Amino acid sequence: KPEDTAVYYCHAAVVSGIYGYDYWGQGTQV
């Protein structure tokens, strides 16, 4: 739908030991 128009970003949640991290892609236009 036209309402879906946006930049779409990939996200990853990473757990390393007791630490947590968030990573993002550069985005792709839809």
PDB file of all heavy atoms in Angstrom:
ATOM      1  N   LYS A   1       0.839  -1.187   0.000  1.00  0.00           N
ATOM      2  CA  LYS A   1       0.000   0.000   0.000  1.00  0.00           C
ATOM      3  C   LYS A   1       0.876   1.239   0.000  1.00  0.00           C
ATOM      4  O   LYS A   1       2.016   1.195   0.448  1.00  0.00           O
ATOM      5  CB  LYS A   1      -0.898   0.022   1.243  1.00  0.00           C
ATOM      6  CG  LYS A   1      -1.757  -1.212   1.433  1.00  0.00           C
ATOM      7  CD  LYS A   1      -2.502  -1.138   2.767  1.00  0.00           C
ATOM      8  CE  LYS A   1      -3.350  -2.365   2.993  1.00  0.00           C
ATOM      9  NZ  LYS A   1      -4.055  -2.304   4.300  1.00  0.00           N
ATOM     10  N   PRO A   2       0.364   2.362  -0.483  1.00  0.00           N
ATOM     11  CA  PRO A   2       1.142   3.599  -0.412  1.00  0.00           C
ATOM     12  C   PRO A   2       1.601   3.925   1.003  1.00  0.00           C
ATOM     13  O   PRO A   2       2.674   4.513   1.176  1.00  0.00           O
ATOM     14  CB  PRO A   2       0.168   4.659  -0.940  1.00  0.00           C
ATOM     15  CG  PRO A   2      -0.710   3.905  -1.883  1.00  0.00           C
ATOM     16  CD  PRO A   2      -0.894   2.553  -1.238  1.00  0.00           C
ATOM     17  N   GLU A   3       0.823   3.534   1.994  1.00  0.00           N
ATOM     18  CA  GLU A   3       1.187   3.782   3.381  1.00  0.00           C
ATOM     19  C   GLU A   3       2.423   3.007   3.813  1.00  0.00           C
ATOM     20  O   GLU A   3       2.990   3.293   4.863  1.00  0.00           O
ATOM     21  CB  GLU A   3       0.022   3.425   4.317  1.00  0.00           C
ATOM     22  CG  GLU A   3      -1.278   4.143   3.985  1.00  0.00           C
ATOM     23  CD  GLU A   3      -2.144   3.336   3.036  1.00  0.00           C
ATOM     24  OE1 GLU A   3      -2.969   2.534   3.521  1.00  0.00           O
ATOM     25  OE2 GLU A   3      -1.993   3.519   1.805  1.00  0.00           O
ATOM     26  N   ASP A   4       2.829   2.019   3.030  1.00  0.00           N
ATOM     27  CA  ASP A   4       4.036   1.264   3.334  1.00  0.00           C
ATOM     28  C   ASP A   4       5.300   1.983   2.890  1.00  0.00           C
ATOM     29  O   ASP A   4       6.404   1.524   3.188  1.00  0.00           O
ATOM     30  CB  ASP A   4       3.988  -0.117   2.670  1.00  0.00           C
ATOM     31  CG  ASP A   4       2.865  -0.981   3.193  1.00  0.00           C
ATOM     32  OD1 ASP A   4       2.641  -0.995   4.423  1.00  0.00           O
ATOM     33  OD2 ASP A   4       2.200  -1.648   2.376  1.00  0.00           O
ATOM     34  N   THR A   5       5.148   3.075   2.176  1.00  0.00           N
ATOM     35  CA  THR A   5       6.300   3.818   1.705  1.00  0.00           C
ATOM     36  C   THR A   5       7.133   4.305   2.878  1.00  0.00           C
ATOM     37  O   THR A   5       6.626   4.983   3.778  1.00  0.00           O
ATOM     38  CB  THR A   5       5.852   5.006   0.845  1.00  0.00           C
ATOM     39  OG1 THR A   5       5.213   4.524  -0.337  1.00  0.00           O
ATOM     40  CG2 THR A   5       7.037   5.873   0.451  1.00  0.00           C
ATOM     41  N   ALA A   6       8.399   3.956   2.875  1.00  0.00           N
ATOM     42  CA  ALA A   6       9.288   4.309   3.970  1.00  0.00           C
ATOM     43  C   ALA A   6      10.685   3.820   3.644  1.00  0.00           C
ATOM     44  O   ALA A   6      10.892   3.067   2.688  1.00  0.00           O
ATOM     45  CB  ALA A   6       8.816   3.683   5.289  1.00  0.00           C
ATOM     46  N   VAL A   7      11.632   4.245   4.448  1.00  0.00           N
ATOM     47  CA  VAL A   7      12.944   3.632   4.440  1.00  0.00           C
ATOM     48  C   VAL A   7      12.896   2.469   5.416  1.00  0.00           C
ATOM     49  O   VAL A   7      12.512   2.638   6.574  1.00  0.00           O
ATOM     50  CB  VAL A   7      14.052   4.625   4.837  1.00  0.00           C
ATOM     51  CG1 VAL A   7      15.404   3.921   4.894  1.00  0.00           C
ATOM     52  CG2 VAL A   7      14.094   5.785   3.854  1.00  0.00           C
ATOM     53  N   TYR A   8      13.257   1.304   4.940  1.00  0.00           N
ATOM     54  CA  TYR A   8      13.227   0.103   5.754  1.00  0.00           C
ATOM     55  C   TYR A   8      14.631  -0.222   6.240  1.00  0.00           C
ATOM     56  O   TYR A   8      15.576  -0.278   5.449  1.00  0.00           O
ATOM     57  CB  TYR A   8      12.657  -1.069   4.956  1.00  0.00           C
ATOM     58  CG  TYR A   8      11.157  -1.000   4.802  1.00  0.00           C
ATOM     59  CD1 TYR A   8      10.573  -0.033   3.995  1.00  0.00           C
ATOM     60  CD2 TYR A   8      10.329  -1.885   5.486  1.00  0.00           C
ATOM     61  CE1 TYR A   8       9.198   0.051   3.874  1.00  0.00           C
ATOM     62  CE2 TYR A   8       8.956  -1.813   5.367  1.00  0.00           C
ATOM     63  CZ  TYR A   8       8.392  -0.839   4.561  1.00  0.00           C
ATOM     64  OH  TYR A   8       7.025  -0.757   4.439  1.00  0.00           O
ATOM     65  N   TYR A   9      14.742  -0.442   7.538  1.00  0.00           N
ATOM     66  CA  TYR A   9      16.022  -0.692   8.174  1.00  0.00           C
ATOM     67  C   TYR A   9      16.068  -2.082   8.776  1.00  0.00           C
ATOM     68  O   TYR A   9      15.132  -2.499   9.465  1.00  0.00           O
ATOM     69  CB  TYR A   9      16.284   0.318   9.293  1.00  0.00           C
ATOM     70  CG  TYR A   9      16.402   1.746   8.830  1.00  0.00           C
ATOM     71  CD1 TYR A   9      15.291   2.578   8.791  1.00  0.00           C
ATOM     72  CD2 TYR A   9      17.633   2.270   8.443  1.00  0.00           C
ATOM     73  CE1 TYR A   9      15.388   3.888   8.378  1.00  0.00           C
ATOM     74  CE2 TYR A   9      17.744   3.586   8.027  1.00  0.00           C
ATOM     75  CZ  TYR A   9      16.626   4.391   7.998  1.00  0.00           C
ATOM     76  OH  TYR A   9      16.742   5.696   7.590  1.00  0.00           O
ATOM     77  N   CYS A  10      17.152  -2.763   8.535  1.00  0.00           N
ATOM     78  CA  CYS A  10      17.397  -4.042   9.177  1.00  0.00           C
ATOM     79  C   CYS A  10      18.023  -3.805  10.542  1.00  0.00           C
ATOM     80  O   CYS A  10      18.849  -2.901  10.710  1.00  0.00           O
ATOM     81  CB  CYS A  10      18.319  -4.901   8.309  1.00  0.00           C
ATOM     82  SG  CYS A  10      18.639  -6.557   8.964  1.00  0.00           S
ATOM     83  N   HIS A  11      17.639  -4.618  11.502  1.00  0.00           N
ATOM     84  CA  HIS A  11      18.122  -4.484  12.868  1.00  0.00           C
ATOM     85  C   HIS A  11      18.567  -5.838  13.387  1.00  0.00           C
ATOM     86  O   HIS A  11      17.946  -6.863  13.088  1.00  0.00           O
ATOM     87  CB  HIS A  11      17.024  -3.920  13.768  1.00  0.00           C
ATOM     88  CG  HIS A  11      17.347  -3.985  15.231  1.00  0.00           C
ATOM     89  ND1 HIS A  11      16.864  -4.987  16.050  1.00  0.00           N
ATOM     90  CD2 HIS A  11      18.103  -3.177  16.017  1.00  0.00           C
ATOM     91  CE1 HIS A  11      17.307  -4.789  17.280  1.00  0.00           C
ATOM     92  NE2 HIS A  11      18.061  -3.700  17.286  1.00  0.00           N
ATOM     93  N   ALA A  12      19.636  -5.825  14.168  1.00  0.00           N
ATOM     94  CA  ALA A  12      20.103  -7.033  14.826  1.00  0.00           C
ATOM     95  C   ALA A  12      20.335  -6.746  16.296  1.00  0.00           C
ATOM     96  O   ALA A  12      20.941  -5.733  16.644  1.00  0.00           O
ATOM     97  CB  ALA A  12      21.381  -7.554  14.185  1.00  0.00           C
ATOM     98  N   ALA A  13      19.847  -7.627  17.133  1.00  0.00           N
ATOM     99  CA  ALA A  13      20.097  -7.579  18.568  1.00  0.00           C
ATOM    100  C   ALA A  13      21.136  -8.638  18.891  1.00  0.00           C
ATOM    101  O   ALA A  13      20.933  -9.815  18.593  1.00  0.00           O
ATOM    102  CB  ALA A  13      18.818  -7.816  19.353  1.00  0.00           C
ATOM    103  N   VAL A  14      22.224  -8.209  19.497  1.00  0.00           N
ATOM    104  CA  VAL A  14      23.347  -9.088  19.765  1.00  0.00           C
ATOM    105  C   VAL A  14      23.569  -9.184  21.263  1.00  0.00           C
ATOM    106  O   VAL A  14      23.560  -8.172  21.970  1.00  0.00           O
ATOM    107  CB  VAL A  14      24.624  -8.587  19.077  1.00  0.00           C
ATOM    108  CG1 VAL A  14      25.831  -9.433  19.484  1.00  0.00           C
ATOM    109  CG2 VAL A  14      24.449  -8.599  17.573  1.00  0.00           C
ATOM    110  N   VAL A  15      23.759 -10.397  21.728  1.00  0.00           N
ATOM    111  CA  VAL A  15      24.101 -10.647  23.118  1.00  0.00           C
ATOM    112  C   VAL A  15      25.487 -11.266  23.160  1.00  0.00           C
ATOM    113  O   VAL A  15      25.733 -12.294  22.518  1.00  0.00           O
ATOM    114  CB  VAL A  15      23.087 -11.573  23.808  1.00  0.00           C
ATOM    115  CG1 VAL A  15      23.544 -11.890  25.230  1.00  0.00           C
ATOM    116  CG2 VAL A  15      21.715 -10.939  23.817  1.00  0.00           C
ATOM    117  N   SER A  16      26.389 -10.635  23.892  1.00  0.00           N
ATOM    118  CA  SER A  16      27.749 -11.134  24.054  1.00  0.00           C
ATOM    119  C   SER A  16      28.078 -11.114  25.534  1.00  0.00           C
ATOM    120  O   SER A  16      28.367 -10.063  26.104  1.00  0.00           O
ATOM    121  CB  SER A  16      28.743 -10.285  23.262  1.00  0.00           C
ATOM    122  OG  SER A  16      30.067 -10.761  23.422  1.00  0.00           O
ATOM    123  N   GLY A  17      28.031 -12.283  26.154  1.00  0.00           N
ATOM    124  CA  GLY A  17      28.199 -12.349  27.591  1.00  0.00           C
ATOM    125  C   GLY A  17      27.068 -11.617  28.278  1.00  0.00           C
ATOM    126  O   GLY A  17      25.889 -11.897  28.047  1.00  0.00           O
ATOM    127  N   ILE A  18      27.413 -10.642  29.103  1.00  0.00           N
ATOM    128  CA  ILE A  18      26.395  -9.854  29.780  1.00  0.00           C
ATOM    129  C   ILE A  18      26.048  -8.585  29.018  1.00  0.00           C
ATOM    130  O   ILE A  18      25.211  -7.795  29.483  1.00  0.00           O
ATOM    131  CB  ILE A  18      26.839  -9.481  31.214  1.00  0.00           C
ATOM    132  CG1 ILE A  18      28.068  -8.570  31.188  1.00  0.00           C
ATOM    133  CG2 ILE A  18      27.117 -10.735  32.027  1.00  0.00           C
ATOM    134  CD1 ILE A  18      28.431  -8.012  32.555  1.00  0.00           C
ATOM    135  N   TYR A  19      26.659  -8.388  27.864  1.00  0.00           N
ATOM    136  CA  TYR A  19      26.460  -7.172  27.100  1.00  0.00           C
ATOM    137  C   TYR A  19      25.455  -7.388  25.986  1.00  0.00           C
ATOM    138  O   TYR A  19      25.371  -8.464  25.389  1.00  0.00           O
ATOM    139  CB  TYR A  19      27.783  -6.673  26.528  1.00  0.00           C
ATOM    140  CG  TYR A  19      28.829  -6.393  27.575  1.00  0.00           C
ATOM    141  CD1 TYR A  19      29.861  -7.292  27.804  1.00  0.00           C
ATOM    142  CD2 TYR A  19      28.779  -5.237  28.336  1.00  0.00           C
ATOM    143  CE1 TYR A  19      30.819  -7.049  28.774  1.00  0.00           C
ATOM    144  CE2 TYR A  19      29.735  -4.984  29.305  1.00  0.00           C
ATOM    145  CZ  TYR A  19      30.752  -5.886  29.516  1.00  0.00           C
ATOM    146  OH  TYR A  19      31.703  -5.624  30.482  1.00  0.00           O
ATOM    147  N   GLY A  20      24.726  -6.334  25.691  1.00  0.00           N
ATOM    148  CA  GLY A  20      23.803  -6.335  24.588  1.00  0.00           C
ATOM    149  C   GLY A  20      24.084  -5.181  23.654  1.00  0.00           C
ATOM    150  O   GLY A  20      24.470  -4.099  24.091  1.00  0.00           O
ATOM    151  N   TYR A  21      23.891  -5.424  22.369  1.00  0.00           N
ATOM    152  CA  TYR A  21      24.181  -4.417  21.358  1.00  0.00           C
ATOM    153  C   TYR A  21      23.071  -4.390  20.325  1.00  0.00           C
ATOM    154  O   TYR A  21      22.422  -5.407  20.062  1.00  0.00           O
ATOM    155  CB  TYR A  21      25.509  -4.693  20.656  1.00  0.00           C
ATOM    156  CG  TYR A  21      26.692  -4.806  21.587  1.00  0.00           C
ATOM    157  CD1 TYR A  21      27.046  -6.032  22.123  1.00  0.00           C
ATOM    158  CD2 TYR A  21      27.444  -3.685  21.916  1.00  0.00           C
ATOM    159  CE1 TYR A  21      28.133  -6.145  22.979  1.00  0.00           C
ATOM    160  CE2 TYR A  21      28.526  -3.788  22.768  1.00  0.00           C
ATOM    161  CZ  TYR A  21      28.870  -5.020  23.301  1.00  0.00           C
ATOM    162  OH  TYR A  21      29.954  -5.124  24.149  1.00  0.00           O
ATOM    163  N   ASP A  22      22.884  -3.235  19.755  1.00  0.00           N
ATOM    164  CA  ASP A  22      21.945  -3.052  18.663  1.00  0.00           C
ATOM    165  C   ASP A  22      22.687  -2.560  17.434  1.00  0.00           C
ATOM    166  O   ASP A  22      23.473  -1.617  17.511  1.00  0.00           O
ATOM    167  CB  ASP A  22      20.859  -2.050  19.036  1.00  0.00           C
ATOM    168  CG  ASP A  22      19.955  -2.570  20.134  1.00  0.00           C
ATOM    169  OD1 ASP A  22      19.194  -3.520  19.867  1.00  0.00           O
ATOM    170  OD2 ASP A  22      20.012  -2.019  21.254  1.00  0.00           O
ATOM    171  N   TYR A  23      22.415  -3.196  16.302  1.00  0.00           N
ATOM    172  CA  TYR A  23      23.043  -2.822  15.049  1.00  0.00           C
ATOM    173  C   TYR A  23      21.970  -2.532  14.011  1.00  0.00           C
ATOM    174  O   TYR A  23      20.914  -3.162  14.002  1.00  0.00           O
ATOM    175  CB  TYR A  23      23.965  -3.930  14.545  1.00  0.00           C
ATOM    176  CG  TYR A  23      25.144  -4.187  15.446  1.00  0.00           C
ATOM    177  CD1 TYR A  23      25.081  -5.142  16.443  1.00  0.00           C
ATOM    178  CD2 TYR A  23      26.323  -3.453  15.300  1.00  0.00           C
ATOM    179  CE1 TYR A  23      26.162  -5.373  17.284  1.00  0.00           C
ATOM    180  CE2 TYR A  23      27.400  -3.676  16.131  1.00  0.00           C
ATOM    181  CZ  TYR A  23      27.316  -4.634  17.119  1.00  0.00           C
ATOM    182  OH  TYR A  23      28.399  -4.856  17.947  1.00  0.00           O
ATOM    183  N   TRP A  24      22.287  -1.593  13.135  1.00  0.00           N
ATOM    184  CA  TRP A  24      21.352  -1.156  12.114  1.00  0.00           C
ATOM    185  C   TRP A  24      22.010  -1.144  10.750  1.00  0.00           C
ATOM    186  O   TRP A  24      23.186  -0.809  10.613  1.00  0.00           O
ATOM    187  CB  TRP A  24      20.836   0.250  12.421  1.00  0.00           C
ATOM    188  CG  TRP A  24      20.048   0.337  13.687  1.00  0.00           C
ATOM    189  CD1 TRP A  24      20.520   0.623  14.924  1.00  0.00           C
ATOM    190  CD2 TRP A  24      18.641   0.132  13.820  1.00  0.00           C
ATOM    191  NE1 TRP A  24      19.493   0.618  15.841  1.00  0.00           N
ATOM    192  CE2 TRP A  24      18.334   0.318  15.192  1.00  0.00           C
ATOM    193  CE3 TRP A  24      17.614  -0.177  12.931  1.00  0.00           C
ATOM    194  CZ2 TRP A  24      17.028   0.199  15.681  1.00  0.00           C
ATOM    195  CZ3 TRP A  24      16.324  -0.302  13.411  1.00  0.00           C
ATOM    196  CH2 TRP A  24      16.051  -0.109  14.777  1.00  0.00           C
ATOM    197  N   GLY A  25      21.234  -1.497   9.758  1.00  0.00           N
ATOM    198  CA  GLY A  25      21.679  -1.351   8.391  1.00  0.00           C
ATOM    199  C   GLY A  25      21.509   0.075   7.926  1.00  0.00           C
ATOM    200  O   GLY A  25      21.021   0.948   8.654  1.00  0.00           O
ATOM    201  N   GLN A  26      21.920   0.323   6.692  1.00  0.00           N
ATOM    202  CA  GLN A  26      21.882   1.681   6.160  1.00  0.00           C
ATOM    203  C   GLN A  26      20.497   2.095   5.681  1.00  0.00           C
ATOM    204  O   GLN A  26      20.254   3.283   5.466  1.00  0.00           O
ATOM    205  CB  GLN A  26      22.889   1.811   5.009  1.00  0.00           C
ATOM    206  CG  GLN A  26      22.404   1.308   3.653  1.00  0.00           C
ATOM    207  CD  GLN A  26      22.346  -0.207   3.547  1.00  0.00           C
ATOM    208  OE1 GLN A  26      22.802  -0.932   4.428  1.00  0.00           O
ATOM    209  NE2 GLN A  26      21.778  -0.691   2.448  1.00  0.00           N
ATOM    210  N   GLY A  27      19.624   1.146   5.516  1.00  0.00           N
ATOM    211  CA  GLY A  27      18.279   1.422   5.060  1.00  0.00           C
ATOM    212  C   GLY A  27      18.123   1.238   3.566  1.00  0.00           C
ATOM    213  O   GLY A  27      19.055   1.453   2.793  1.00  0.00           O
ATOM    214  N   THR A  28      16.939   0.836   3.173  1.00  0.00           N
ATOM    215  CA  THR A  28      16.614   0.713   1.761  1.00  0.00           C
ATOM    216  C   THR A  28      15.231   1.315   1.535  1.00  0.00           C
ATOM    217  O   THR A  28      14.301   1.082   2.304  1.00  0.00           O
ATOM    218  CB  THR A  28      16.675  -0.760   1.293  1.00  0.00           C
ATOM    219  OG1 THR A  28      16.453  -0.832  -0.113  1.00  0.00           O
ATOM    220  CG2 THR A  28      15.647  -1.626   2.015  1.00  0.00           C
ATOM    221  N   GLN A  29      15.118   2.102   0.493  1.00  0.00           N
ATOM    222  CA  GLN A  29      13.887   2.833   0.227  1.00  0.00           C
ATOM    223  C   GLN A  29      12.854   1.943  -0.436  1.00  0.00           C
ATOM    224  O   GLN A  29      13.139   1.260  -1.422  1.00  0.00           O
ATOM    225  CB  GLN A  29      14.167   4.046  -0.666  1.00  0.00           C
ATOM    226  CG  GLN A  29      12.919   4.833  -1.066  1.00  0.00           C
ATOM    227  CD  GLN A  29      12.324   5.603   0.085  1.00  0.00           C
ATOM    228  OE1 GLN A  29      13.037   6.282   0.822  1.00  0.00           O
ATOM    229  NE2 GLN A  29      11.009   5.494   0.249  1.00  0.00           N
ATOM    230  N   VAL A  30      11.658   1.965   0.103  1.00  0.00           N
ATOM    231  CA  VAL A  30      10.510   1.307  -0.506  1.00  0.00           C
ATOM    232  C   VAL A  30       9.477   2.379  -0.805  1.00  0.00           C
ATOM    233  O   VAL A  30       9.049   3.107   0.097  1.00  0.00           O
ATOM    234  CB  VAL A  30       9.908   0.230   0.412  1.00  0.00           C
ATOM    235  CG1 VAL A  30       8.595  -0.286  -0.158  1.00  0.00           C
ATOM    236  CG2 VAL A  30      10.896  -0.906   0.608  1.00  0.00           C
TER     237      VAL A  30
END
